[in-house]
N, C-alpha and C. Protein backbone atom coordinates (compact mmCIF):
# COMPACT_ATOMS: atom_id res chain seq x y z
N MET A 1 93.20 87.32 80.93
CA MET A 1 93.58 88.49 81.67
C MET A 1 92.31 89.19 82.14
N SER A 2 92.31 89.60 83.40
CA SER A 2 91.17 90.34 83.91
C SER A 2 91.54 91.81 84.00
N TYR A 3 90.54 92.63 84.21
CA TYR A 3 90.76 94.06 84.30
C TYR A 3 90.15 94.60 85.59
N GLN A 4 90.79 95.63 86.12
CA GLN A 4 90.38 96.28 87.36
C GLN A 4 90.09 97.75 87.08
N ILE A 5 89.48 98.43 88.03
CA ILE A 5 89.24 99.87 87.88
C ILE A 5 90.58 100.59 87.92
N ALA A 6 90.77 101.51 86.98
CA ALA A 6 92.03 102.25 86.87
C ALA A 6 92.15 103.28 87.99
N TYR A 7 93.40 103.57 88.35
CA TYR A 7 93.71 104.61 89.32
C TYR A 7 94.61 105.63 88.65
N PRO A 8 94.37 106.91 88.80
CA PRO A 8 93.22 107.48 89.47
C PRO A 8 91.95 107.24 88.66
N TYR A 9 90.82 107.26 89.37
CA TYR A 9 89.54 107.00 88.73
C TYR A 9 89.32 108.02 87.62
N ARG A 10 88.86 107.51 86.47
CA ARG A 10 88.58 108.39 85.34
C ARG A 10 87.61 107.71 84.40
N ILE A 11 87.10 108.46 83.47
CA ILE A 11 86.19 107.95 82.45
C ILE A 11 87.00 107.75 81.17
N ASP A 12 86.80 106.60 80.51
CA ASP A 12 87.55 106.34 79.28
C ASP A 12 86.85 106.97 78.08
N ALA A 13 87.40 106.77 76.89
CA ALA A 13 86.88 107.37 75.66
C ALA A 13 85.47 106.91 75.32
N ARG A 14 85.06 105.73 75.86
CA ARG A 14 83.72 105.23 75.59
C ARG A 14 82.69 105.77 76.58
N GLY A 15 83.15 106.58 77.54
CA GLY A 15 82.24 107.12 78.54
C GLY A 15 82.01 106.17 79.70
N ARG A 16 82.86 105.17 79.85
CA ARG A 16 82.75 104.18 80.92
C ARG A 16 83.90 104.35 81.91
N THR A 17 83.80 103.66 83.03
CA THR A 17 84.88 103.65 84.00
C THR A 17 86.11 103.04 83.35
N ALA A 18 87.24 103.76 83.42
CA ALA A 18 88.49 103.26 82.83
C ALA A 18 88.97 102.03 83.60
N THR A 19 89.56 101.10 82.88
CA THR A 19 90.07 99.88 83.49
C THR A 19 91.59 99.78 83.28
N ALA A 20 92.19 98.88 84.05
CA ALA A 20 93.62 98.63 83.95
C ALA A 20 93.85 97.12 84.00
N SER A 21 94.91 96.66 83.36
CA SER A 21 95.27 95.25 83.42
C SER A 21 95.67 94.91 84.86
N ASP A 22 95.74 93.63 85.17
CA ASP A 22 96.14 93.21 86.51
C ASP A 22 97.52 93.76 86.87
N GLU A 23 98.45 93.73 85.92
CA GLU A 23 99.80 94.23 86.17
C GLU A 23 99.78 95.73 86.46
N ARG A 24 99.04 96.47 85.67
CA ARG A 24 98.94 97.92 85.88
C ARG A 24 98.21 98.22 87.20
N HIS A 25 97.20 97.43 87.52
CA HIS A 25 96.44 97.63 88.76
C HIS A 25 97.36 97.45 89.98
N LEU A 26 98.21 96.43 89.96
CA LEU A 26 99.17 96.25 91.06
C LEU A 26 100.09 97.45 91.19
N ARG A 27 100.57 97.95 90.08
CA ARG A 27 101.44 99.13 90.09
C ARG A 27 100.70 100.32 90.69
N ASP A 28 99.44 100.50 90.30
CA ASP A 28 98.63 101.59 90.84
C ASP A 28 98.43 101.46 92.35
N LEU A 29 98.20 100.23 92.82
CA LEU A 29 98.04 100.00 94.26
C LEU A 29 99.32 100.35 95.02
N ILE A 30 100.45 99.95 94.47
CA ILE A 30 101.74 100.26 95.09
C ILE A 30 101.92 101.78 95.17
N GLU A 31 101.61 102.47 94.09
CA GLU A 31 101.74 103.92 94.07
C GLU A 31 100.85 104.58 95.13
N GLN A 32 99.66 104.06 95.31
CA GLN A 32 98.76 104.60 96.34
C GLN A 32 99.36 104.44 97.73
N VAL A 33 99.93 103.28 98.02
CA VAL A 33 100.54 103.06 99.34
C VAL A 33 101.72 104.01 99.53
N LEU A 34 102.56 104.15 98.52
CA LEU A 34 103.76 104.97 98.64
C LEU A 34 103.46 106.44 98.89
N PHE A 35 102.48 106.97 98.18
CA PHE A 35 102.30 108.42 98.18
C PHE A 35 101.04 108.90 98.90
N THR A 36 100.45 108.03 99.70
CA THR A 36 99.34 108.44 100.56
C THR A 36 99.90 108.64 101.96
N THR A 37 99.55 109.75 102.55
CA THR A 37 99.99 110.06 103.91
C THR A 37 98.96 109.51 104.89
N PRO A 38 99.40 108.78 105.92
CA PRO A 38 98.44 108.32 106.92
C PRO A 38 97.61 109.50 107.45
N GLY A 39 96.30 109.26 107.55
CA GLY A 39 95.37 110.31 107.95
C GLY A 39 94.68 110.96 106.78
N GLU A 40 95.14 110.70 105.58
CA GLU A 40 94.59 111.30 104.38
C GLU A 40 93.25 110.68 103.97
N ARG A 41 93.06 109.41 104.28
CA ARG A 41 91.82 108.71 103.92
C ARG A 41 90.89 108.65 105.12
N VAL A 42 89.67 109.07 104.92
CA VAL A 42 88.71 109.18 106.02
C VAL A 42 88.42 107.82 106.65
N HIS A 43 88.11 106.82 105.88
CA HIS A 43 87.71 105.53 106.43
C HIS A 43 88.88 104.57 106.64
N ARG A 44 90.06 104.97 106.26
CA ARG A 44 91.28 104.19 106.49
C ARG A 44 92.40 105.14 106.92
N PRO A 45 92.30 105.69 108.12
CA PRO A 45 93.28 106.71 108.52
C PRO A 45 94.71 106.20 108.65
N GLU A 46 94.92 104.91 108.78
CA GLU A 46 96.27 104.37 108.92
C GLU A 46 96.90 104.02 107.56
N PHE A 47 96.12 104.08 106.48
CA PHE A 47 96.60 103.68 105.16
C PHE A 47 97.72 104.61 104.68
N GLY A 48 98.71 104.04 104.02
CA GLY A 48 99.81 104.79 103.44
C GLY A 48 101.09 104.55 104.21
N CYS A 49 102.13 105.29 103.81
CA CYS A 49 103.41 105.09 104.51
C CYS A 49 104.06 106.38 104.96
N GLY A 50 103.54 107.53 104.59
CA GLY A 50 104.13 108.78 105.05
C GLY A 50 105.47 109.10 104.42
N LEU A 51 105.76 108.51 103.29
CA LEU A 51 107.04 108.71 102.62
C LEU A 51 107.29 110.18 102.33
N LEU A 52 106.30 110.88 101.86
CA LEU A 52 106.50 112.27 101.50
C LEU A 52 106.76 113.16 102.70
N GLN A 53 106.36 112.74 103.88
CA GLN A 53 106.66 113.50 105.11
C GLN A 53 108.12 113.35 105.50
N LEU A 54 108.68 112.18 105.25
CA LEU A 54 110.07 111.92 105.64
C LEU A 54 111.07 112.75 104.84
N ILE A 55 110.71 113.15 103.66
CA ILE A 55 111.67 113.86 102.81
C ILE A 55 111.97 115.27 103.30
N PHE A 56 111.19 115.77 104.25
CA PHE A 56 111.45 117.11 104.76
C PHE A 56 112.43 117.10 105.92
N ALA A 57 112.82 115.93 106.38
CA ALA A 57 113.83 115.81 107.44
C ALA A 57 115.21 115.99 106.82
N PRO A 58 116.20 116.35 107.63
CA PRO A 58 117.57 116.52 107.09
C PRO A 58 118.05 115.22 106.42
N ALA A 59 118.59 115.35 105.22
CA ALA A 59 119.04 114.19 104.45
C ALA A 59 120.22 113.51 105.13
N SER A 60 120.13 112.18 105.20
CA SER A 60 121.22 111.38 105.74
C SER A 60 121.01 109.93 105.33
N ASP A 61 122.04 109.13 105.49
CA ASP A 61 121.92 107.70 105.20
C ASP A 61 120.91 107.05 106.13
N ALA A 62 120.90 107.49 107.38
CA ALA A 62 119.96 106.93 108.37
C ALA A 62 118.51 107.23 107.97
N LEU A 63 118.28 108.44 107.46
CA LEU A 63 116.92 108.80 107.03
C LEU A 63 116.48 107.94 105.84
N LEU A 64 117.36 107.75 104.88
CA LEU A 64 117.02 106.92 103.72
C LEU A 64 116.73 105.48 104.15
N GLU A 65 117.50 104.96 105.10
CA GLU A 65 117.26 103.60 105.58
C GLU A 65 115.93 103.52 106.34
N THR A 66 115.63 104.54 107.13
CA THR A 66 114.35 104.58 107.84
C THR A 66 113.20 104.63 106.83
N ALA A 67 113.34 105.46 105.82
CA ALA A 67 112.31 105.56 104.78
C ALA A 67 112.14 104.23 104.04
N ARG A 68 113.25 103.58 103.74
CA ARG A 68 113.19 102.29 103.03
C ARG A 68 112.44 101.26 103.87
N MET A 69 112.75 101.21 105.16
CA MET A 69 112.08 100.25 106.04
C MET A 69 110.59 100.60 106.19
N THR A 70 110.27 101.89 106.25
CA THR A 70 108.89 102.33 106.35
C THR A 70 108.10 101.92 105.10
N VAL A 71 108.70 102.12 103.94
CA VAL A 71 108.06 101.73 102.68
C VAL A 71 107.85 100.22 102.64
N GLN A 72 108.88 99.46 102.95
CA GLN A 72 108.76 98.00 102.91
C GLN A 72 107.69 97.51 103.87
N GLY A 73 107.65 98.07 105.08
CA GLY A 73 106.64 97.68 106.06
C GLY A 73 105.23 98.02 105.63
N ALA A 74 105.05 99.19 105.05
CA ALA A 74 103.71 99.60 104.58
C ALA A 74 103.25 98.72 103.42
N LEU A 75 104.16 98.41 102.51
CA LEU A 75 103.78 97.53 101.39
C LEU A 75 103.41 96.15 101.89
N GLN A 76 104.16 95.66 102.88
CA GLN A 76 103.85 94.34 103.46
C GLN A 76 102.48 94.38 104.14
N ARG A 77 102.23 95.44 104.88
CA ARG A 77 100.96 95.54 105.61
C ARG A 77 99.76 95.65 104.67
N TRP A 78 99.84 96.54 103.70
CA TRP A 78 98.67 96.83 102.88
C TRP A 78 98.56 95.96 101.63
N LEU A 79 99.66 95.44 101.12
CA LEU A 79 99.62 94.65 99.89
C LEU A 79 100.27 93.29 100.04
N GLY A 80 100.57 92.88 101.26
CA GLY A 80 101.26 91.61 101.48
C GLY A 80 100.52 90.40 100.95
N ASP A 81 99.21 90.49 100.81
CA ASP A 81 98.45 89.38 100.24
C ASP A 81 98.52 89.36 98.71
N ARG A 82 99.04 90.43 98.11
CA ARG A 82 99.10 90.54 96.65
C ARG A 82 100.51 90.49 96.08
N ILE A 83 101.49 90.99 96.86
CA ILE A 83 102.87 91.02 96.35
C ILE A 83 103.86 90.56 97.41
N GLN A 84 104.98 90.05 96.93
CA GLN A 84 106.13 89.74 97.78
C GLN A 84 107.21 90.76 97.42
N VAL A 85 107.56 91.63 98.37
CA VAL A 85 108.57 92.66 98.12
C VAL A 85 109.95 92.03 98.21
N ASP A 86 110.73 92.17 97.14
CA ASP A 86 112.08 91.63 97.11
C ASP A 86 113.12 92.69 97.46
N ARG A 87 112.90 93.93 97.00
CA ARG A 87 113.89 94.98 97.23
C ARG A 87 113.24 96.35 97.10
N VAL A 88 113.62 97.26 97.98
CA VAL A 88 113.20 98.66 97.91
C VAL A 88 114.46 99.50 97.90
N THR A 89 114.57 100.39 96.94
CA THR A 89 115.70 101.30 96.85
C THR A 89 115.16 102.72 96.77
N LEU A 90 115.69 103.60 97.60
CA LEU A 90 115.28 105.01 97.61
C LEU A 90 116.47 105.89 97.26
N ALA A 91 116.20 106.96 96.54
CA ALA A 91 117.22 107.96 96.24
C ALA A 91 116.56 109.33 96.27
N ALA A 92 117.15 110.24 96.99
CA ALA A 92 116.65 111.60 97.06
C ALA A 92 117.72 112.53 96.50
N THR A 93 117.35 113.29 95.50
CA THR A 93 118.25 114.29 94.92
C THR A 93 117.57 115.64 95.06
N GLU A 94 118.25 116.65 94.66
CA GLU A 94 117.69 118.00 94.74
C GLU A 94 116.38 118.06 93.96
N GLY A 95 115.29 118.13 94.69
CA GLY A 95 113.99 118.30 94.07
C GLY A 95 113.30 117.04 93.58
N GLU A 96 113.87 115.85 93.81
CA GLU A 96 113.23 114.64 93.31
C GLU A 96 113.45 113.46 94.26
N LEU A 97 112.41 112.67 94.40
CA LEU A 97 112.48 111.43 95.16
C LEU A 97 112.23 110.28 94.20
N ARG A 98 113.09 109.27 94.23
CA ARG A 98 112.95 108.10 93.36
C ARG A 98 112.86 106.85 94.22
N VAL A 99 111.82 106.07 93.97
CA VAL A 99 111.61 104.80 94.66
C VAL A 99 111.64 103.70 93.61
N GLN A 100 112.51 102.73 93.80
CA GLN A 100 112.55 101.57 92.90
C GLN A 100 112.19 100.35 93.73
N LEU A 101 111.27 99.57 93.20
CA LEU A 101 110.74 98.43 93.93
C LEU A 101 110.81 97.19 93.04
N ALA A 102 111.40 96.13 93.58
CA ALA A 102 111.38 94.81 92.92
C ALA A 102 110.40 93.96 93.72
N TYR A 103 109.45 93.36 93.02
CA TYR A 103 108.43 92.55 93.70
C TYR A 103 107.96 91.42 92.79
N ARG A 104 107.28 90.46 93.40
CA ARG A 104 106.66 89.36 92.68
C ARG A 104 105.19 89.28 93.06
N PRO A 105 104.31 89.15 92.08
CA PRO A 105 102.89 88.98 92.39
C PRO A 105 102.67 87.65 93.10
N ARG A 106 101.82 87.62 94.09
CA ARG A 106 101.52 86.38 94.83
C ARG A 106 100.78 85.37 93.95
N THR A 107 100.14 85.85 92.89
CA THR A 107 99.40 84.95 92.01
C THR A 107 100.31 84.21 91.05
N GLY A 108 101.61 84.47 91.16
CA GLY A 108 102.57 83.83 90.26
C GLY A 108 103.08 84.83 89.25
N GLY A 109 104.00 84.39 88.48
CA GLY A 109 104.57 85.28 87.48
C GLY A 109 105.98 85.67 87.86
N GLU A 110 106.58 86.42 86.96
CA GLU A 110 107.97 86.81 87.12
C GLU A 110 108.11 88.02 88.01
N SER A 111 109.32 88.19 88.53
CA SER A 111 109.65 89.36 89.33
C SER A 111 109.54 90.60 88.45
N ARG A 112 109.08 91.68 89.04
CA ARG A 112 108.93 92.93 88.32
C ARG A 112 109.68 94.03 89.06
N VAL A 113 110.14 94.99 88.30
CA VAL A 113 110.79 96.16 88.89
C VAL A 113 110.07 97.39 88.37
N VAL A 114 109.63 98.23 89.31
CA VAL A 114 108.95 99.48 88.95
C VAL A 114 109.65 100.63 89.62
N THR A 115 109.63 101.78 88.98
CA THR A 115 110.24 102.98 89.52
C THR A 115 109.19 104.08 89.58
N PHE A 116 109.16 104.77 90.71
CA PHE A 116 108.26 105.90 90.91
C PHE A 116 109.10 107.13 91.20
N GLU A 117 108.76 108.24 90.58
CA GLU A 117 109.49 109.48 90.82
C GLU A 117 108.50 110.57 91.18
N ARG A 118 108.88 111.38 92.15
CA ARG A 118 108.04 112.52 92.57
C ARG A 118 108.92 113.74 92.77
N GLU A 119 108.45 114.86 92.29
CA GLU A 119 109.15 116.11 92.56
C GLU A 119 108.87 116.48 94.01
N ILE A 120 109.88 116.98 94.67
CA ILE A 120 109.71 117.40 96.06
C ILE A 120 110.12 118.84 96.24
């Protein structure tokens, strides 16, 4: 098993750069794509999916489907060389956004399901 730099960047108990397992690193990368707004990164202004901007629009089935397609497209664009997205499910409730993602690492391994929740 190899290790990657942890996200968000931090110093561990030994005073070194914190690391994450490959599985955790993939999860961290997915989280960055989901919750980064395009224009937020100086040297990569197109990075992200704008998911948090969509939640301010009037709630509807069409909006959730648009958001789901936006998320799937952004994950394919930015992480398509690392993961195969199998399913994206979005749910917005009063004050909370939940994203559930089923994916498979391109390096092999079993399908994984991760859930991200954000207060809105």
